[in-house]
PDB file of N, CA and C in Angstrom:
ATOM      1  N   MET A   1       6.039  35.104  -4.149  1.00  0.00           N
ATOM      2  CA  MET A   1       6.259  33.562  -5.013  1.00  0.00           C
ATOM      3  C   MET A   1       6.145  33.551  -3.124  1.00  0.00           C
ATOM      4  N   ALA A   2       5.187  32.295  -2.825  1.00  0.00           N
ATOM      5  CA  ALA A   2       4.374  32.047  -1.915  1.00  0.00           C
ATOM      6  C   ALA A   2       4.882  30.702  -1.093  1.00  0.00           C
ATOM      7  N   LYS A   3       5.369  29.989  -0.021  1.00  0.00           N
ATOM      8  CA  LYS A   3       6.142  28.751   0.180  1.00  0.00           C
ATOM      9  C   LYS A   3       4.889  28.116   0.601  1.00  0.00           C
ATOM     10  N   LYS A   4       5.472  27.183  -0.346  1.00  0.00           N
ATOM     11  CA  LYS A   4       4.547  25.067  -0.162  1.00  0.00           C
ATOM     12  C   LYS A   4       4.931  25.183   1.517  1.00  0.00           C
ATOM     13  N   THR A   5       3.504  24.777   1.971  1.00  0.00           N
ATOM     14  CA  THR A   5       3.354  24.155   3.538  1.00  0.00           C
ATOM     15  C   THR A   5       3.726  22.520   3.294  1.00  0.00           C
ATOM     16  N   THR A   6       3.759  21.708   3.875  1.00  0.00           N
ATOM     17  CA  THR A   6       3.444  20.425   4.321  1.00  0.00           C
ATOM     18  C   THR A   6       3.566  19.966   5.524  1.00  0.00           C
ATOM     19  N   LYS A   7       2.146  20.997   5.798  1.00  0.00           N
ATOM     20  CA  LYS A   7       1.723  20.170   7.364  1.00  0.00           C
ATOM     21  C   LYS A   7       0.866  19.196   7.116  1.00  0.00           C
ATOM     22  N   ASN A   8       0.228  18.945   6.191  1.00  0.00           N
ATOM     23  CA  ASN A   8      -0.999  18.461   5.940  1.00  0.00           C
ATOM     24  C   ASN A   8       0.147  16.331   5.030  1.00  0.00           C
ATOM     25  N   ARG A   9       0.905  17.042   4.823  1.00  0.00           N
ATOM     26  CA  ARG A   9       1.335  15.926   4.505  1.00  0.00           C
ATOM     27  C   ARG A   9       2.578  14.476   5.419  1.00  0.00           C
ATOM     28  N   PRO A  10       1.540  13.306   4.961  1.00  0.00           N
ATOM     29  CA  PRO A  10       2.263  12.758   6.255  1.00  0.00           C
ATOM     30  C   PRO A  10       3.859  12.343   5.400  1.00  0.00           C
ATOM     31  N   ALA A  11       4.476  11.695   6.597  1.00  0.00           N
ATOM     32  CA  ALA A  11       6.102  11.498   6.136  1.00  0.00           C
ATOM     33  C   ALA A  11       6.057  10.126   5.474  1.00  0.00           C
ATOM     34  N   ARG A  12       6.677   9.718   4.590  1.00  0.00           N
ATOM     35  CA  ARG A  12       6.569   8.457   4.104  1.00  0.00           C
ATOM     36  C   ARG A  12       6.983   7.388   4.925  1.00  0.00           C
ATOM     37  N   GLN A  13       6.753   5.960   4.433  1.00  0.00           N
ATOM     38  CA  GLN A  13       6.656   5.083   5.361  1.00  0.00           C
ATOM     39  C   GLN A  13       7.703   4.074   4.502  1.00  0.00           C
ATOM     40  N   PRO A  14       9.098   3.856   4.333  1.00  0.00           N
ATOM     41  CA  PRO A  14       9.264   2.521   3.917  1.00  0.00           C
ATOM     42  C   PRO A  14       8.269   1.054   4.164  1.00  0.00           C
ATOM     43  N   TYR A  15       8.708   0.704   2.700  1.00  0.00           N
ATOM     44  CA  TYR A  15       8.244  -0.711   3.656  1.00  0.00           C
ATOM     45  C   TYR A  15       9.180  -1.483   3.769  1.00  0.00           C
ATOM     46  N   THR A  16       8.796  -2.455   4.937  1.00  0.00           N
ATOM     47  CA  THR A  16       9.606  -3.203   5.587  1.00  0.00           C
ATOM     48  C   THR A  16       9.696  -5.264   4.899  1.00  0.00           C
ATOM     49  N   ALA A  17      10.713  -5.727   5.277  1.00  0.00           N
ATOM     50  CA  ALA A  17      10.307  -6.801   4.608  1.00  0.00           C
ATOM     51  C   ALA A  17       9.040  -7.959   5.107  1.00  0.00           C
ATOM     52  N   SER A  18       8.720  -7.431   6.377  1.00  0.00           N
ATOM     53  CA  SER A  18       7.685  -8.030   6.767  1.00  0.00           C
ATOM     54  C   SER A  18       6.209  -7.708   6.471  1.00  0.00           C
ATOM     55  N   ASP A  19       6.317  -6.116   5.515  1.00  0.00           N
ATOM     56  CA  ASP A  19       5.018  -5.853   5.231  1.00  0.00           C
ATOM     57  C   ASP A  19       5.246  -6.113   3.897  1.00  0.00           C
ATOM     58  N   ILE A  20       6.015  -6.248   3.121  1.00  0.00           N
ATOM     59  CA  ILE A  20       6.026  -7.134   1.999  1.00  0.00           C
ATOM     60  C   ILE A  20       5.592  -8.436   1.963  1.00  0.00           C
ATOM     61  N   LYS A  21       6.032  -9.673   3.134  1.00  0.00           N
ATOM     62  CA  LYS A  21       5.504 -10.595   3.320  1.00  0.00           C
ATOM     63  C   LYS A  21       3.935 -10.547   3.322  1.00  0.00           C
ATOM     64  N   MET A  22       3.477  -9.542   4.248  1.00  0.00           N
ATOM     65  CA  MET A  22       1.771  -9.599   4.280  1.00  0.00           C
ATOM     66  C   MET A  22       1.382  -9.227   3.223  1.00  0.00           C
ATOM     67  N   LEU A  23       1.980  -8.564   2.210  1.00  0.00           N
ATOM     68  CA  LEU A  23       0.976  -8.169   1.224  1.00  0.00           C
ATOM     69  C   LEU A  23       1.148  -9.215   0.013  1.00  0.00           C
ATOM     70  N   LYS A  24       2.338 -10.078   0.044  1.00  0.00           N
ATOM     71  CA  LYS A  24       2.098 -11.590  -0.729  1.00  0.00           C
ATOM     72  C   LYS A  24       1.196 -11.912   0.276  1.00  0.00           C
ATOM     73  N   ALA A  25       1.393 -12.289   1.037  1.00  0.00           N
ATOM     74  CA  ALA A  25       0.118 -13.490   1.558  1.00  0.00           C
ATOM     75  C   ALA A  25      -1.281 -12.855   1.437  1.00  0.00           C
ATOM     76  N   HIS A  26      -1.417 -11.831   1.169  1.00  0.00           N
ATOM     77  CA  HIS A  26      -2.918 -11.202   1.050  1.00  0.00           C
ATOM     78  C   HIS A  26      -2.949 -10.984  -0.264  1.00  0.00           C
ATOM     79  N   SER A  27      -2.458 -11.224  -1.127  1.00  0.00           N
ATOM     80  CA  SER A  27      -2.187 -11.122  -2.175  1.00  0.00           C
ATOM     81  C   SER A  27      -3.047 -12.447  -2.634  1.00  0.00           C
ATOM     82  N   LYS A  28      -2.225 -13.652  -2.682  1.00  0.00           N
ATOM     83  CA  LYS A  28      -2.837 -15.280  -2.437  1.00  0.00           C
ATOM     84  C   LYS A  28      -3.865 -14.875  -2.473  1.00  0.00           C
ATOM     85  N   ALA A  29      -3.987 -14.387  -0.718  1.00  0.00           N
ATOM     86  CA  ALA A  29      -5.539 -14.770   0.019  1.00  0.00           C
ATOM     87  C   ALA A  29      -7.071 -13.872  -0.913  1.00  0.00           C
ATOM     88  N   ARG A  30      -6.422 -13.436  -1.587  1.00  0.00           N
ATOM     89  CA  ARG A  30      -7.527 -11.808  -2.319  1.00  0.00           C
ATOM     90  C   ARG A  30      -8.121 -11.120  -1.342  1.00  0.00           C
ATOM     91  N   THR A  31      -7.543 -11.008  -0.484  1.00  0.00           N
ATOM     92  CA  THR A  31      -7.769  -9.702  -0.179  1.00  0.00           C
ATOM     93  C   THR A  31      -8.317  -8.461  -0.555  1.00  0.00           C
ATOM     94  N   PRO A  32      -9.244  -8.090  -0.550  1.00  0.00           N
ATOM     95  CA  PRO A  32      -9.623  -6.802  -1.019  1.00  0.00           C
ATOM     96  C   PRO A  32      -9.194  -4.974  -0.435  1.00  0.00           C
ATOM     97  N   VAL A  33      -8.758  -4.371  -1.575  1.00  0.00           N
ATOM     98  CA  VAL A  33      -7.398  -3.672  -1.129  1.00  0.00           C
ATOM     99  C   VAL A  33      -8.228  -2.689   0.213  1.00  0.00           C
ATOM    100  N   SER A  34      -9.067  -2.292  -0.035  1.00  0.00           N
ATOM    101  CA  SER A  34     -10.088  -1.245   1.098  1.00  0.00           C
ATOM    102  C   SER A  34      -9.609  -1.840   2.369  1.00  0.00           C
ATOM    103  N   LYS A  35      -9.693  -3.135   2.680  1.00  0.00           N
ATOM    104  CA  LYS A  35      -9.514  -3.956   3.955  1.00  0.00           C
ATOM    105  C   LYS A  35      -7.712  -3.877   4.557  1.00  0.00           C
ATOM    106  N   LEU A  36      -7.345  -4.265   2.897  1.00  0.00           N
ATOM    107  CA  LEU A  36      -6.041  -4.650   3.749  1.00  0.00           C
ATOM    108  C   LEU A  36      -5.338  -3.073   3.297  1.00  0.00           C
ATOM    109  N   SER A  37      -6.203  -2.402   2.866  1.00  0.00           N
ATOM    110  CA  SER A  37      -5.096  -0.385   3.036  1.00  0.00           C
ATOM    111  C   SER A  37      -5.529   0.018   5.034  1.00  0.00           C
ATOM    112  N   LYS A  38      -6.713  -0.781   5.074  1.00  0.00           N
ATOM    113  CA  LYS A  38      -6.544  -0.587   6.751  1.00  0.00           C
ATOM    114  C   LYS A  38      -5.700  -1.099   8.044  1.00  0.00           C
ATOM    115  N   MET A  39      -5.723  -2.434   7.351  1.00  0.00           N
ATOM    116  CA  MET A  39      -5.299  -3.061   8.127  1.00  0.00           C
ATOM    117  C   MET A  39      -3.626  -2.361   8.434  1.00  0.00           C
ATOM    118  N   MET A  40      -2.809  -2.374   6.827  1.00  0.00           N
ATOM    119  CA  MET A  40      -1.640  -2.338   7.382  1.00  0.00           C
ATOM    120  C   MET A  40      -1.454  -0.682   7.118  1.00  0.00           C
ATOM    121  N   LYS A  41      -2.477   0.056   7.214  1.00  0.00           N
ATOM    122  CA  LYS A  41      -2.599   1.825   7.364  1.00  0.00           C
ATOM    123  C   LYS A  41      -1.725   2.482   6.138  1.00  0.00           C
ATOM    124  N   ARG A  42      -2.054   2.457   5.001  1.00  0.00           N
ATOM    125  CA  ARG A  42      -1.426   2.732   3.574  1.00  0.00           C
ATOM    126  C   ARG A  42      -2.371   2.726   3.169  1.00  0.00           C
ATOM    127  N   THR A  43      -2.442   3.661   2.057  1.00  0.00           N
ATOM    128  CA  THR A  43      -3.445   4.016   0.887  1.00  0.00           C
ATOM    129  C   THR A  43      -3.434   3.045   0.065  1.00  0.00           C
ATOM    130  N   GLU A  44      -4.528   2.540  -0.721  1.00  0.00           N
ATOM    131  CA  GLU A  44      -4.741   2.034  -1.993  1.00  0.00           C
ATOM    132  C   GLU A  44      -3.785   1.940  -2.666  1.00  0.00           C
ATOM    133  N   GLY A  45      -3.262   3.133  -3.005  1.00  0.00           N
ATOM    134  CA  GLY A  45      -2.608   3.532  -4.457  1.00  0.00           C
ATOM    135  C   GLY A  45      -1.058   3.345  -3.515  1.00  0.00           C
ATOM    136  N   SER A  46      -0.716   3.335  -2.920  1.00  0.00           N
ATOM    137  CA  SER A  46       0.218   2.793  -2.235  1.00  0.00           C
ATOM    138  C   SER A  46       0.559   1.342  -2.431  1.00  0.00           C
ATOM    139  N   LEU A  47      -0.526   0.527  -1.645  1.00  0.00           N
ATOM    140  CA  LEU A  47      -0.487  -0.817  -1.861  1.00  0.00           C
ATOM    141  C   LEU A  47      -0.626  -1.592  -3.612  1.00  0.00           C
ATOM    142  N   ARG A  48      -1.513  -0.762  -4.061  1.00  0.00           N
ATOM    143  CA  ARG A  48      -1.915  -1.575  -5.453  1.00  0.00           C
ATOM    144  C   ARG A  48       0.359  -1.001  -6.547  1.00  0.00           C
ATOM    145  N   GLN A  49       0.647   0.359  -5.928  1.00  0.00           N
ATOM    146  CA  GLN A  49       2.317   0.571  -6.594  1.00  0.00           C
ATOM    147  C   GLN A  49       2.933  -0.240  -6.404  1.00  0.00           C
ATOM    148  N   LYS A  50       3.264  -0.837  -5.226  1.00  0.00           N
ATOM    149  CA  LYS A  50       3.812  -1.188  -4.235  1.00  0.00           C
ATOM    150  C   LYS A  50       3.566  -2.798  -5.245  1.00  0.00           C
ATOM    151  N   ALA A  51       2.837  -3.589  -5.312  1.00  0.00           N
ATOM    152  CA  ALA A  51       2.450  -4.819  -5.445  1.00  0.00           C
ATOM    153  C   ALA A  51       2.617  -4.435  -7.157  1.00  0.00           C
ATOM    154  N   LEU A  52       2.542  -4.081  -7.549  1.00  0.00           N
ATOM    155  CA  LEU A  52       2.772  -3.604  -9.707  1.00  0.00           C
ATOM    156  C   LEU A  52       4.132  -3.805  -9.374  1.00  0.00           C
ATOM    157  N   SER A  53       5.212  -3.153  -8.391  1.00  0.00           N
ATOM    158  CA  SER A  53       6.625  -3.283  -9.133  1.00  0.00           C
ATOM    159  C   SER A  53       7.417  -4.511  -8.423  1.00  0.00           C
ATOM    160  N   LEU A  54       6.404  -5.306  -7.434  1.00  0.00           N
ATOM    161  CA  LEU A  54       6.729  -6.765  -6.723  1.00  0.00           C
ATOM    162  C   LEU A  54       6.660  -7.427  -8.271  1.00  0.00           C
ATOM    163  N   GLY A  55       5.362  -7.200  -9.273  1.00  0.00           N
ATOM    164  CA  GLY A  55       4.567  -8.254  -9.980  1.00  0.00           C
ATOM    165  C   GLY A  55       3.773  -8.983  -9.784  1.00  0.00           C
ATOM    166  N   ILE A  56       2.772  -8.535  -8.664  1.00  0.00           N
ATOM    167  CA  ILE A  56       1.763  -9.358  -7.919  1.00  0.00           C
ATOM    168  C   ILE A  56       0.259  -8.678  -8.090  1.00  0.00           C
ATOM    169  N   GLY A  57      -0.222  -9.751  -8.261  1.00  0.00           N
ATOM    170  CA  GLY A  57      -1.674  -8.908  -8.990  1.00  0.00           C
ATOM    171  C   GLY A  57      -2.274  -8.629  -6.978  1.00  0.00           C
ATOM    172  N   LEU A  58      -3.453  -7.589  -7.036  1.00  0.00           N
ATOM    173  CA  LEU A  58      -3.892  -7.178  -5.749  1.00  0.00           C
ATOM    174  C   LEU A  58      -5.115  -7.279  -5.521  1.00  0.00           C
ATOM    175  N   GLY A  59      -6.117  -7.564  -5.249  1.00  0.00           N
ATOM    176  CA  GLY A  59      -7.211  -7.322  -4.916  1.00  0.00           C
ATOM    177  C   GLY A  59      -8.308  -8.592  -5.286  1.00  0.00           C
ATOM    178  N   HIS A  60      -8.952  -8.258  -4.559  1.00  0.00           N
ATOM    179  CA  HIS A  60     -10.171  -9.479  -5.290  1.00  0.00           C
ATOM    180  C   HIS A  60     -10.406 -10.142  -5.999  1.00  0.00           C
ATOM    181  N   GLN A  61     -10.953  -8.915  -7.365  1.00  0.00           N
ATOM    182  CA  GLN A  61     -11.525  -9.061  -9.046  1.00  0.00           C
ATOM    183  C   GLN A  61     -10.568  -9.211  -9.532  1.00  0.00           C
ATOM    184  N   ARG A  62      -8.818  -9.135  -9.573  1.00  0.00           N
ATOM    185  CA  ARG A  62      -7.929  -9.021 -10.042  1.00  0.00           C
ATOM    186  C   ARG A  62      -8.529  -9.102 -12.093  1.00  0.00           C
TER     187      ARG A  62
END
């Protein structure tokens, strides 16, 4: 059985309190998720999942 390599997989980055505060602020401002993902250096999916777990909407077209 071949071993799986984790060479291309980046390490997970936990959300800090300031990250959550920024996410909530941009949710209220309706910043597009693509723009927010570049600012926070996280994937769109990661941001959407965190917003879902916090119970806030995300994106400009909710």
